[in-house]
Amino acid sequence: MAQPLSPSSQDASNPQQRVVITNKHGEELVGLLHPVGSNNIVVLCHGFTASKNSSVIADLADALTKQGTSIFCFDFSGNGESGGEFQYGNYRKEADDLHSVVSYLHQKKYDVKAIVGHSKGGDVVVLYASMYHDVNMVVNLSGRFYLEKGIEERLGKGFIDRINKEGYIEVTKFLVKKKSGNKMYISIYLYKAARLK
């Protein structure tokens, strides 16, 4: 599955290693381990529609490795190189992805000093801390705190009323070109959930 060396046998001459970790859904999470010869490690989590290669994550990894801290950054499922389908929300699933990463690093004898999340990843690390209690430091960088506004920006004003009235709303529509050259439109809908009594 994953092949990084133990922390004691790594050094700064090996700047990064590709690591693949399987989450609890059987999806492959692709990450980069930036070893510096220390078993202290910080896990970096990207934001919405970003990846482990985003400039914010790359800059943080560079700064922290220069300070002597090993770094692990990865793509949440459905993002970047990782397996799975992209999902609009899925905060809990991303917290579970992070748990798979932290558990893997603990098995490899790393001391996970902190989990750091940027934007949506900032919300994920806070949720993670409320679900799991195996990392003592959580850093939220520019995490969304007023999610209603972000959702309204994407789904339109009064989206809840439209869902309640119609039972669904069209979230997005996009054009797909088939290998045959034919084109088709695909729409994604958000449906009203049935309430169980």
C-alpha atoms as a PDB file:
ATOM      1  CA  MET A   1       0.000   0.000   0.000  1.00  0.00           C
ATOM      2  CA  ALA A   2       2.408   2.720   1.169  1.00  0.00           C
ATOM      3  CA  GLN A   3       6.166   2.595   1.156  1.00  0.00           C
ATOM      4  CA  PRO A   4       7.769   5.448   3.093  1.00  0.00           C
ATOM      5  CA  LEU A   5      10.711   4.522   5.281  1.00  0.00           C
ATOM      6  CA  SER A   6      10.604   4.775   9.045  1.00  0.00           C
ATOM      7  CA  PRO A   7      11.338   8.318  10.356  1.00  0.00           C
ATOM      8  CA  SER A   8      14.767   7.395  11.715  1.00  0.00           C
ATOM      9  CA  SER A   9      16.028   6.229   8.319  1.00  0.00           C
ATOM     10  CA  GLN A  10      14.906   9.310   6.356  1.00  0.00           C
ATOM     11  CA  ASP A  11      16.799  12.528   5.829  1.00  0.00           C
ATOM     12  CA  ALA A  12      16.559  15.852   4.036  1.00  0.00           C
ATOM     13  CA  SER A  13      18.332  14.447   0.958  1.00  0.00           C
ATOM     14  CA  ASN A  14      15.039  12.709   0.136  1.00  0.00           C
ATOM     15  CA  PRO A  15      12.777  15.767  -0.309  1.00  0.00           C
ATOM     16  CA  GLN A  16       9.447  14.002  -0.745  1.00  0.00           C
ATOM     17  CA  GLN A  17       7.934  10.578  -1.192  1.00  0.00           C
ATOM     18  CA  ARG A  18       4.619   9.643  -2.771  1.00  0.00           C
ATOM     19  CA  VAL A  19       2.420   7.674  -0.371  1.00  0.00           C
ATOM     20  CA  VAL A  20      -0.894   5.920  -1.017  1.00  0.00           C
ATOM     21  CA  ILE A  21      -3.202   5.219   1.945  1.00  0.00           C
ATOM     22  CA  THR A  22      -6.550   3.449   1.693  1.00  0.00           C
ATOM     23  CA  ASN A  23      -9.437   5.125   3.519  1.00  0.00           C
ATOM     24  CA  LYS A  24     -12.265   3.213   5.226  1.00  0.00           C
ATOM     25  CA  HIS A  25     -14.276   3.269   1.970  1.00  0.00           C
ATOM     26  CA  GLY A  26     -11.523   1.455   0.058  1.00  0.00           C
ATOM     27  CA  GLU A  27     -10.498   4.606  -1.852  1.00  0.00           C
ATOM     28  CA  GLU A  28      -6.849   5.489  -2.347  1.00  0.00           C
ATOM     29  CA  LEU A  29      -5.679   8.753  -0.791  1.00  0.00           C
ATOM     30  CA  VAL A  30      -2.531  10.035  -2.488  1.00  0.00           C
ATOM     31  CA  GLY A  31      -0.137  12.045  -0.360  1.00  0.00           C
ATOM     32  CA  LEU A  32       3.358  13.464  -0.237  1.00  0.00           C
ATOM     33  CA  LEU A  33       5.654  12.851   2.699  1.00  0.00           C
ATOM     34  CA  HIS A  34       8.312  15.534   3.164  1.00  0.00           C
ATOM     35  CA  PRO A  35      10.751  13.864   5.598  1.00  0.00           C
ATOM     36  CA  VAL A  36      13.462  15.815   7.398  1.00  0.00           C
ATOM     37  CA  GLY A  37      14.815  13.050   9.645  1.00  0.00           C
ATOM     38  CA  SER A  38      12.474  13.878  12.539  1.00  0.00           C
ATOM     39  CA  ASN A  39       9.572  11.766  13.730  1.00  0.00           C
ATOM     40  CA  ASN A  40       7.646  14.988  14.492  1.00  0.00           C
ATOM     41  CA  ILE A  41       5.189  15.574  11.679  1.00  0.00           C
ATOM     42  CA  VAL A  42       2.469  18.038  10.710  1.00  0.00           C
ATOM     43  CA  VAL A  43      -0.400  17.051   8.389  1.00  0.00           C
ATOM     44  CA  LEU A  44      -1.573  19.722   5.930  1.00  0.00           C
ATOM     45  CA  CYS A  45      -5.142  19.676   4.548  1.00  0.00           C
ATOM     46  CA  HIS A  46      -6.166  21.544   1.393  1.00  0.00           C
ATOM     47  CA  GLY A  47      -9.310  23.554   0.756  1.00  0.00           C
ATOM     48  CA  PHE A  48     -12.360  23.207  -1.484  1.00  0.00           C
ATOM     49  CA  THR A  49     -11.531  21.986  -5.030  1.00  0.00           C
ATOM     50  CA  ALA A  50      -7.810  22.329  -4.262  1.00  0.00           C
ATOM     51  CA  SER A  51      -5.159  19.652  -3.772  1.00  0.00           C
ATOM     52  CA  LYS A  52      -1.958  18.786  -1.934  1.00  0.00           C
ATOM     53  CA  ASN A  53      -0.139  20.774  -4.643  1.00  0.00           C
ATOM     54  CA  SER A  54      -1.949  24.084  -4.086  1.00  0.00           C
ATOM     55  CA  SER A  55       0.350  27.052  -3.503  1.00  0.00           C
ATOM     56  CA  VAL A  56      -0.784  27.554   0.110  1.00  0.00           C
ATOM     57  CA  ILE A  57      -0.048  23.935   1.022  1.00  0.00           C
ATOM     58  CA  ALA A  58       3.272  23.894  -0.905  1.00  0.00           C
ATOM     59  CA  ASP A  59       4.412  27.134   0.774  1.00  0.00           C
ATOM     60  CA  LEU A  60       3.487  25.829   4.237  1.00  0.00           C
ATOM     61  CA  ALA A  61       5.286  22.537   3.573  1.00  0.00           C
ATOM     62  CA  ASP A  62       8.404  24.399   2.451  1.00  0.00           C
ATOM     63  CA  ALA A  63       8.425  26.723   5.468  1.00  0.00           C
ATOM     64  CA  LEU A  64       7.856  23.950   8.013  1.00  0.00           C
ATOM     65  CA  THR A  65      10.430  21.549   6.567  1.00  0.00           C
ATOM     66  CA  LYS A  66      13.008  24.368   6.721  1.00  0.00           C
ATOM     67  CA  GLN A  67      12.210  24.559  10.452  1.00  0.00           C
ATOM     68  CA  GLY A  68      12.961  20.836  10.899  1.00  0.00           C
ATOM     69  CA  THR A  69       9.426  19.433  10.903  1.00  0.00           C
ATOM     70  CA  SER A  70       8.406  16.603   8.615  1.00  0.00           C
ATOM     71  CA  ILE A  71       5.236  17.261   6.610  1.00  0.00           C
ATOM     72  CA  PHE A  72       2.509  15.081   5.147  1.00  0.00           C
ATOM     73  CA  CYS A  73       0.018  16.589   2.707  1.00  0.00           C
ATOM     74  CA  PHE A  74      -2.600  14.630   0.784  1.00  0.00           C
ATOM     75  CA  ASP A  75      -5.603  14.901  -1.498  1.00  0.00           C
ATOM     76  CA  PHE A  76      -8.982  14.261   0.127  1.00  0.00           C
ATOM     77  CA  SER A  77     -11.028  11.567  -1.641  1.00  0.00           C
ATOM     78  CA  GLY A  78     -12.472  12.829  -4.899  1.00  0.00           C
ATOM     79  CA  ASN A  79      -9.822  15.555  -5.159  1.00  0.00           C
ATOM     80  CA  GLY A  80      -6.456  15.751  -6.903  1.00  0.00           C
ATOM     81  CA  GLU A  81      -4.948  12.300  -7.451  1.00  0.00           C
ATOM     82  CA  SER A  82      -7.029  10.520  -4.811  1.00  0.00           C
ATOM     83  CA  GLY A  83      -9.742   8.020  -5.665  1.00  0.00           C
ATOM     84  CA  GLY A  84     -13.441   8.467  -5.088  1.00  0.00           C
ATOM     85  CA  GLU A  85     -16.018  10.909  -6.396  1.00  0.00           C
ATOM     86  CA  PHE A  86     -15.842  14.636  -5.740  1.00  0.00           C
ATOM     87  CA  GLN A  87     -18.598  15.714  -3.360  1.00  0.00           C
ATOM     88  CA  TYR A  88     -19.813  19.213  -2.603  1.00  0.00           C
ATOM     89  CA  GLY A  89     -19.945  18.959   1.209  1.00  0.00           C
ATOM     90  CA  ASN A  90     -18.722  15.704   2.745  1.00  0.00           C
ATOM     91  CA  TYR A  91     -16.984  17.257   5.766  1.00  0.00           C
ATOM     92  CA  ARG A  92     -17.404  14.071   7.813  1.00  0.00           C
ATOM     93  CA  LYS A  93     -15.966  11.910   5.045  1.00  0.00           C
ATOM     94  CA  GLU A  94     -12.976  14.230   4.765  1.00  0.00           C
ATOM     95  CA  ALA A  95     -12.519  14.036   8.558  1.00  0.00           C
ATOM     96  CA  ASP A  96     -12.533  10.245   8.160  1.00  0.00           C
ATOM     97  CA  ASP A  97      -9.952  10.559   5.351  1.00  0.00           C
ATOM     98  CA  LEU A  98      -7.799  12.596   7.723  1.00  0.00           C
ATOM     99  CA  HIS A  99      -8.234   9.922  10.388  1.00  0.00           C
ATOM    100  CA  SER A 100      -6.954   7.292   7.939  1.00  0.00           C
ATOM    101  CA  VAL A 101      -3.879   9.475   7.346  1.00  0.00           C
ATOM    102  CA  VAL A 102      -3.222  10.161  11.052  1.00  0.00           C
ATOM    103  CA  SER A 103      -3.667   6.461  11.905  1.00  0.00           C
ATOM    104  CA  TYR A 104      -1.231   5.490   9.155  1.00  0.00           C
ATOM    105  CA  LEU A 105       1.368   7.994  10.389  1.00  0.00           C
ATOM    106  CA  HIS A 106       1.001   6.735  13.971  1.00  0.00           C
ATOM    107  CA  GLN A 107       1.544   3.165  12.717  1.00  0.00           C
ATOM    108  CA  LYS A 108       4.738   4.371  11.016  1.00  0.00           C
ATOM    109  CA  LYS A 109       5.908   5.775  14.386  1.00  0.00           C
ATOM    110  CA  TYR A 110       5.436   9.429  13.538  1.00  0.00           C
ATOM    111  CA  ASP A 111       4.410  11.834  16.287  1.00  0.00           C
ATOM    112  CA  VAL A 112       1.635  13.907  14.685  1.00  0.00           C
ATOM    113  CA  LYS A 113       2.182  17.289  16.321  1.00  0.00           C
ATOM    114  CA  ALA A 114      -0.569  19.167  14.485  1.00  0.00           C
ATOM    115  CA  ILE A 115      -3.187  19.034  11.762  1.00  0.00           C
ATOM    116  CA  VAL A 116      -3.409  22.216   9.716  1.00  0.00           C
ATOM    117  CA  GLY A 117      -6.272  22.976   7.349  1.00  0.00           C
ATOM    118  CA  HIS A 118      -6.734  25.801   4.879  1.00  0.00           C
ATOM    119  CA  SER A 119     -10.196  27.106   3.899  1.00  0.00           C
ATOM    120  CA  LYS A 120     -12.549  24.080   3.784  1.00  0.00           C
ATOM    121  CA  GLY A 121      -9.675  22.020   5.194  1.00  0.00           C
ATOM    122  CA  GLY A 122      -9.724  24.368   8.197  1.00  0.00           C
ATOM    123  CA  ASP A 123     -13.296  23.347   8.911  1.00  0.00           C
ATOM    124  CA  VAL A 124     -12.383  19.690   8.415  1.00  0.00           C
ATOM    125  CA  VAL A 125      -9.569  19.796  11.013  1.00  0.00           C
ATOM    126  CA  VAL A 126     -11.907  21.404  13.567  1.00  0.00           C
ATOM    127  CA  LEU A 127     -14.537  18.724  12.910  1.00  0.00           C
ATOM    128  CA  TYR A 128     -11.807  16.073  13.141  1.00  0.00           C
ATOM    129  CA  ALA A 129     -10.782  17.357  16.569  1.00  0.00           C
ATOM    130  CA  SER A 130     -14.390  17.033  17.766  1.00  0.00           C
ATOM    131  CA  MET A 131     -14.638  13.443  16.470  1.00  0.00           C
ATOM    132  CA  TYR A 132     -11.188  12.040  17.260  1.00  0.00           C
ATOM    133  CA  HIS A 133      -8.907  12.909  20.124  1.00  0.00           C
ATOM    134  CA  ASP A 134      -5.509  11.764  18.882  1.00  0.00           C
ATOM    135  CA  VAL A 135      -3.892  15.067  17.838  1.00  0.00           C
ATOM    136  CA  ASN A 136      -3.285  17.837  20.365  1.00  0.00           C
ATOM    137  CA  MET A 137      -2.922  20.841  18.045  1.00  0.00           C
ATOM    138  CA  VAL A 138      -5.377  21.971  15.380  1.00  0.00           C
ATOM    139  CA  VAL A 139      -4.721  24.986  13.149  1.00  0.00           C
ATOM    140  CA  ASN A 140      -7.563  26.477  11.095  1.00  0.00           C
ATOM    141  CA  LEU A 141      -6.279  28.821   8.364  1.00  0.00           C
ATOM    142  CA  SER A 142      -9.031  30.923   6.787  1.00  0.00           C
ATOM    143  CA  GLY A 143     -11.693  28.317   7.456  1.00  0.00           C
ATOM    144  CA  ARG A 144     -15.247  29.187   6.487  1.00  0.00           C
ATOM    145  CA  PHE A 145     -17.301  30.221   9.508  1.00  0.00           C
ATOM    146  CA  TYR A 146     -20.460  31.558   7.862  1.00  0.00           C
ATOM    147  CA  LEU A 147     -21.352  28.632   5.639  1.00  0.00           C
ATOM    148  CA  GLU A 148     -24.861  29.853   4.841  1.00  0.00           C
ATOM    149  CA  LYS A 149     -23.436  32.670   2.717  1.00  0.00           C
ATOM    150  CA  GLY A 150     -21.154  30.358   0.731  1.00  0.00           C
ATOM    151  CA  ILE A 151     -23.982  27.953   0.030  1.00  0.00           C
ATOM    152  CA  GLU A 152     -26.300  30.793  -1.002  1.00  0.00           C
ATOM    153  CA  GLU A 153     -23.605  32.135  -3.369  1.00  0.00           C
ATOM    154  CA  ARG A 154     -23.462  28.763  -5.095  1.00  0.00           C
ATOM    155  CA  LEU A 155     -27.117  27.723  -4.991  1.00  0.00           C
ATOM    156  CA  GLY A 156     -28.847  31.085  -5.258  1.00  0.00           C
ATOM    157  CA  LYS A 157     -30.901  33.247  -2.952  1.00  0.00           C
ATOM    158  CA  GLY A 158     -33.884  31.454  -1.454  1.00  0.00           C
ATOM    159  CA  PHE A 159     -32.585  27.988  -2.337  1.00  0.00           C
ATOM    160  CA  ILE A 160     -34.183  26.435   0.773  1.00  0.00           C
ATOM    161  CA  ASP A 161     -37.597  27.846  -0.184  1.00  0.00           C
ATOM    162  CA  ARG A 162     -37.212  26.469  -3.724  1.00  0.00           C
ATOM    163  CA  ILE A 163     -36.242  23.043  -2.389  1.00  0.00           C
ATOM    164  CA  ASN A 164     -39.204  23.046  -0.015  1.00  0.00           C
ATOM    165  CA  LYS A 165     -41.604  24.118  -2.786  1.00  0.00           C
ATOM    166  CA  GLU A 166     -40.321  22.027  -5.703  1.00  0.00           C
ATOM    167  CA  GLY A 167     -38.627  19.192  -3.800  1.00  0.00           C
ATOM    168  CA  TYR A 168     -35.310  19.828  -5.588  1.00  0.00           C
ATOM    169  CA  ILE A 169     -33.124  22.462  -7.244  1.00  0.00           C
ATOM    170  CA  GLU A 170     -30.657  22.173 -10.101  1.00  0.00           C
ATOM    171  CA  VAL A 171     -27.225  22.825  -8.592  1.00  0.00           C
ATOM    172  CA  THR A 172     -25.163  22.790 -11.777  1.00  0.00           C
ATOM    173  CA  LYS A 173     -25.340  21.868 -15.412  1.00  0.00           C
ATOM    174  CA  PHE A 174     -22.316  21.119 -17.557  1.00  0.00           C
ATOM    175  CA  LEU A 175     -21.440  19.913 -21.022  1.00  0.00           C
ATOM    176  CA  VAL A 176     -19.698  16.567 -21.498  1.00  0.00           C
ATOM    177  CA  LYS A 177     -18.053  15.575 -24.754  1.00  0.00           C
ATOM    178  CA  LYS A 178     -18.095  11.837 -25.411  1.00  0.00           C
ATOM    179  CA  LYS A 179     -15.284   9.963 -27.165  1.00  0.00           C
ATOM    180  CA  SER A 180     -17.647   9.502 -30.089  1.00  0.00           C
ATOM    181  CA  GLY A 181     -17.725  13.284 -30.503  1.00  0.00           C
ATOM    182  CA  ASN A 182     -21.324  13.562 -29.329  1.00  0.00           C
ATOM    183  CA  LYS A 183     -22.150  16.075 -26.620  1.00  0.00           C
ATOM    184  CA  MET A 184     -24.551  15.820 -23.740  1.00  0.00           C
ATOM    185  CA  TYR A 185     -25.550  17.946 -20.786  1.00  0.00           C
ATOM    186  CA  ILE A 186     -25.420  16.561 -17.277  1.00  0.00           C
ATOM    187  CA  SER A 187     -27.333  18.240 -14.471  1.00  0.00           C
ATOM    188  CA  ILE A 188     -26.751  17.788 -10.759  1.00  0.00           C
ATOM    189  CA  TYR A 189     -29.763  18.227  -8.516  1.00  0.00           C
ATOM    190  CA  LEU A 190     -30.133  18.758  -4.795  1.00  0.00           C
ATOM    191  CA  TYR A 191     -33.254  17.017  -3.483  1.00  0.00           C
ATOM    192  CA  LYS A 192     -35.277  17.626  -0.360  1.00  0.00           C
ATOM    193  CA  ALA A 193     -34.591  14.921   2.197  1.00  0.00           C
ATOM    194  CA  ALA A 194     -37.557  13.011   3.556  1.00  0.00           C
ATOM    195  CA  ARG A 195     -38.044  13.547   7.270  1.00  0.00           C
ATOM    196  CA  LEU A 196     -38.362  10.423   9.373  1.00  0.00           C
ATOM    197  CA  LYS A 197     -40.751  10.624  12.311  1.00  0.00           C
END
